[in-house]
Amino acid sequence: MPGSGRCARCGASLALASATIDVIPPRAGKLQRNLPQFWGFRRGWANFVQAASQPFAATFSRFDDVRFDPGTVFRLIVPGWAQVYRGKRERGLLFLAAYLITFFPALLFTGTMLGSTLLGLAFGIHVMSAVDAMVGRFSDFAGRVSFSLFAAMALFGFVYLPVGYVTTRVATPIQITQLVPGFERGDVLWYDRSAEIKPGDLVYYEVPRTTVNGRLTNGQAANFVFQNGWINRVVAVEGQSVVWRDGKLLVDGELFSGSNSTLAPEGLAQEFVVPAGKVVIPPGTLIRDDMQLGGEAWLRLSVVSRSDVMGRLFFRSSPLRRISFID
């Protein structure tokens, strides 16, 4: 009010010529008053955002209706979210619906050609949504193409690649292309890389290129080469006692009642303790009916490095009529 020496609202002195003015606003909270560095940090962050945005703003200055603020950029991780943030609700919901229509079936058919195609379509819709949210109108076709490529690389590098890496640590799909007992060609199986491997687990493992001597059923000598990924059951892990006697397998003195893949060649009599860093996976399903291997070759294929075991199988997702968890 005229003639007043102090503000009626906050009590601050209005005699600026002689008053010592506090740099902290009178209505600042307790935390801000006790931490004067807060204001410097806040101003520094604002300067950093402004400086970081300038090169991009200059690059995209020829585009119309450009939005490169942090709020818009952060919401690009979900298709349509940035449009809703900018007030284009219907447009954003349309992008989100189109993405979900392709993304969820892609998850359902992961590991198949159809799943890969649907995932590619979902990624394309996500890129289109990001481009539409950030730039309202392009001056030419070349600008649209170059910016779309930029958006695709950014989304892949900052969203899809990290999410894919984390996901595959616990759930990775494979499609069977060979005959594996209990499954059919074309089945999509999922394995867990982080699972603790125990006796009895069905695992997916890599067979290093190994050449062994043997014979065909007609008696002809032959060299057999084993390699690539395979599926089989673990019968013993490091530290356990393994005994093969008369075609039977005993683990820690107990008869292992597994599948026929544990049956060893006749006459094999071997007893040993599984070395550290190794597991025992009998190669029965690796060997064709026309192959005959000796005991030494059998044991060589049976003792597998733990690092070659990719993970434990836990789920079958395709075909849809046989979706099931794997025991």
Foldseek 3Di string as FASTA:
>chain_A
DPPDQADPPQGHGPPVVPDDDDPDDSPDDPVCVVCVCVVVVVVVVVVVQVVVCVVVCVVCVQFPPFDDHPVLVVLLLQQLRLCVVVVNNVVSVVLNVQLVVLQVVLVLPPADPSSVVSVVVSLLSSLVSSLVSGTVGHPDPVVSVVVSVVSSVVCCVPPVVVVVVVVLQAWDKHAACDDDPPDDHGWIWIFHQPDDADAFFKFKFWDCWDWDWWAFPVGHTDIDTDTGIDIFGFHFAAFWKWWADQQWIAINNHTDPDDSLSGADGPDTDIDGQHPQWTFTFCSRVDDPGIGDDPVVRRVRGIGGNVRTRGTIFWISPDPVPTDTDD
